[in-house]
Amino acid sequence: MIYRETFFRPDELHREAWSIPAVIYNRTHHLLNQTKNKCLFVPIRNMQYLAVLDKEEIIFIDSAGGYGHHNGIGGRIIQLAWLDFHPQIRQAISDPVPCHIAYYLPHAKPAMQRLVQDFSLALEQFEQREHKSFLEQVAQILPFKKT
């Protein structure tokens, strides 16, 4: 059985340079390498958010953050994303990884302050569970144009 989700990427409001802590970057890639899935859905229960991990980015969706329809397709709206990872720049595996944060909704910036700690905890909890037994997971990310 396959678990599929569709996500909409609104127009980007703001982008900033950032560095993802090494423990988070390393853990996300470790988890992705251990699964047959191309992406992983990690619930962040403390914030009622969902993180979707793939090799290129980590997107964050607020469960109460809305649902959109476009061209007959429905999906949840991306709040923000961590992307453009550059792990080759770091000197040691314990160094943070330069990247960017893309904000898609105005209220996503305050959430970012909590995400680092809460996402790190969610990854740790996810890793401790039997994540290998999860269904095949597929994320479809589409542009979302407000009409």
Protein backbone atom coordinates (compact mmCIF):
# COMPACT_ATOMS: atom_id res chain seq x y z
CA MET A 1 0.00 0.00 0.00
CA ILE A 2 1.21 3.51 -0.84
CA TYR A 3 0.58 6.61 1.27
CA ARG A 4 0.36 9.66 -1.01
CA GLU A 5 0.08 13.35 -0.11
CA THR A 6 -0.10 16.41 -2.30
CA PHE A 7 1.42 19.69 -1.14
CA PHE A 8 1.19 23.13 -2.67
CA ARG A 9 4.13 25.51 -2.74
CA PRO A 10 2.85 29.13 -2.68
CA ASP A 11 4.91 31.97 -4.10
CA GLU A 12 7.98 32.57 -1.97
CA LEU A 13 7.66 35.61 0.32
CA HIS A 14 11.17 35.70 1.75
CA ARG A 15 14.40 33.69 1.70
CA GLU A 16 17.31 33.85 4.09
CA ALA A 17 20.67 32.13 4.50
CA TRP A 18 20.91 29.78 7.45
CA SER A 19 22.85 26.77 8.71
CA ILE A 20 21.04 23.59 9.69
CA PRO A 21 22.57 22.01 12.81
CA ALA A 22 24.72 18.99 11.96
CA VAL A 23 22.76 16.63 14.20
CA ILE A 24 19.54 17.40 12.29
CA TYR A 25 21.11 17.25 8.82
CA ASN A 26 22.98 14.03 9.57
CA ARG A 27 19.94 12.36 11.13
CA THR A 28 17.62 13.26 8.21
CA HIS A 29 20.05 11.82 5.67
CA HIS A 30 20.68 8.74 7.79
CA LEU A 31 16.93 8.07 7.94
CA LEU A 32 16.49 8.65 4.21
CA ASN A 33 19.34 6.28 3.43
CA GLN A 34 17.80 3.54 5.59
CA THR A 35 14.42 3.56 3.88
CA LYS A 36 13.33 2.53 0.41
CA ASN A 37 11.12 5.64 0.27
CA LYS A 38 12.17 8.73 -1.64
CA CYS A 39 10.68 10.85 1.12
CA LEU A 40 9.72 10.50 4.77
CA PHE A 41 6.84 12.08 6.65
CA VAL A 42 7.88 13.04 10.18
CA PRO A 43 5.16 14.35 12.51
CA ILE A 44 6.21 17.18 14.83
CA ARG A 45 3.57 16.61 17.46
CA ASN A 46 4.55 19.50 19.77
CA MET A 47 3.71 21.98 17.00
CA GLN A 48 1.06 20.03 15.08
CA TYR A 49 3.34 20.24 12.04
CA LEU A 50 4.42 17.69 9.49
CA ALA A 51 7.94 17.63 8.06
CA VAL A 52 8.50 16.00 4.69
CA LEU A 53 12.11 14.99 4.07
CA ASP A 54 13.78 14.26 0.78
CA LYS A 55 17.35 14.58 -0.49
CA GLU A 56 16.81 18.14 -1.76
CA GLU A 57 14.76 19.85 0.94
CA ILE A 58 12.71 19.59 4.09
CA ILE A 59 9.25 21.12 3.87
CA PHE A 60 7.04 21.98 6.82
CA ILE A 61 3.25 21.93 6.84
CA ASP A 62 1.04 23.22 9.64
CA SER A 63 -1.85 20.77 10.14
CA ALA A 64 -4.13 23.72 10.81
CA GLY A 65 -2.48 25.75 8.05
CA GLY A 66 -4.98 25.24 5.33
CA TYR A 67 -5.88 23.12 2.41
CA GLY A 68 -5.95 24.38 -1.14
CA HIS A 69 -7.46 23.39 -4.45
CA HIS A 70 -5.93 24.21 -7.80
CA ASN A 71 -6.79 22.76 -11.22
CA GLY A 72 -8.96 20.10 -9.62
CA ILE A 73 -6.24 18.90 -7.23
CA GLY A 74 -6.39 19.36 -3.47
CA GLY A 75 -3.45 19.48 -1.10
CA ARG A 76 -1.93 20.96 2.00
CA ILE A 77 -0.01 24.22 1.84
CA ILE A 78 3.71 24.42 2.57
CA GLN A 79 4.56 26.98 5.26
CA LEU A 80 8.34 27.01 4.88
CA ALA A 81 11.21 24.92 3.57
CA TRP A 82 14.85 24.31 4.36
CA LEU A 83 16.66 23.88 1.06
CA ASP A 84 19.85 24.40 -0.98
CA PHE A 85 21.98 22.31 1.37
CA HIS A 86 25.76 22.56 0.93
CA PRO A 87 27.29 19.82 3.10
CA GLN A 88 30.48 19.79 1.02
CA ILE A 89 31.41 23.21 2.48
CA ARG A 90 31.73 22.00 6.05
CA GLN A 91 35.09 20.95 7.43
CA ALA A 92 33.79 18.17 9.70
CA ILE A 93 30.65 16.06 9.88
CA SER A 94 29.83 17.78 13.19
CA ASP A 95 29.74 21.25 11.55
CA PRO A 96 26.40 22.85 10.62
CA VAL A 97 25.38 22.71 6.95
CA PRO A 98 24.81 26.01 5.10
CA CYS A 99 21.38 26.22 3.47
CA HIS A 100 18.43 28.57 2.98
CA ILE A 101 15.03 28.98 4.54
CA ALA A 102 12.20 29.82 2.15
CA TYR A 103 9.07 31.30 3.73
CA TYR A 104 5.79 30.88 1.87
CA LEU A 105 3.28 32.26 4.37
CA PRO A 106 3.56 35.35 6.61
CA HIS A 107 3.01 33.47 9.89
CA ALA A 108 5.72 30.89 9.09
CA LYS A 109 8.60 33.04 10.33
CA PRO A 110 7.61 32.91 14.03
CA ALA A 111 7.19 29.11 13.76
CA MET A 112 10.76 28.79 12.53
CA GLN A 113 12.04 29.74 15.99
CA ARG A 114 10.45 26.61 17.48
CA LEU A 115 11.11 24.26 14.59
CA VAL A 116 14.79 23.58 15.25
CA GLN A 117 14.25 22.16 18.72
CA ASP A 118 10.90 20.50 18.08
CA PHE A 119 11.96 18.97 14.76
CA SER A 120 15.15 17.62 16.31
CA LEU A 121 13.08 15.94 19.03
CA ALA A 122 10.61 14.58 16.45
CA LEU A 123 13.47 13.10 14.41
CA GLU A 124 14.86 11.40 17.50
CA GLN A 125 11.45 9.92 18.31
CA PHE A 126 10.92 8.87 14.70
CA GLU A 127 14.30 7.15 14.61
CA GLN A 128 13.48 5.19 17.78
CA ARG A 129 10.23 3.85 16.30
CA GLU A 130 10.06 1.15 13.68
CA HIS A 131 10.17 3.65 10.80
CA LYS A 132 11.30 0.92 8.37
CA SER A 133 7.86 -0.68 8.60
CA PHE A 134 6.08 2.44 7.33
CA LEU A 135 4.12 2.26 4.11
CA GLU A 136 5.68 3.54 0.92
CA GLN A 137 5.36 7.32 1.07
CA VAL A 138 5.04 9.63 -1.92
CA ALA A 139 4.92 13.43 -1.78
CA GLN A 140 3.79 15.43 -4.76
CA ILE A 141 4.69 19.13 -4.56
CA LEU A 142 2.92 21.51 -6.91
CA PRO A 143 3.05 25.29 -7.40
CA PHE A 144 0.03 27.06 -5.95
CA LYS A 145 -1.24 30.17 -7.66
CA LYS A 146 -3.92 32.07 -5.82
CA THR A 147 -6.86 32.87 -8.07
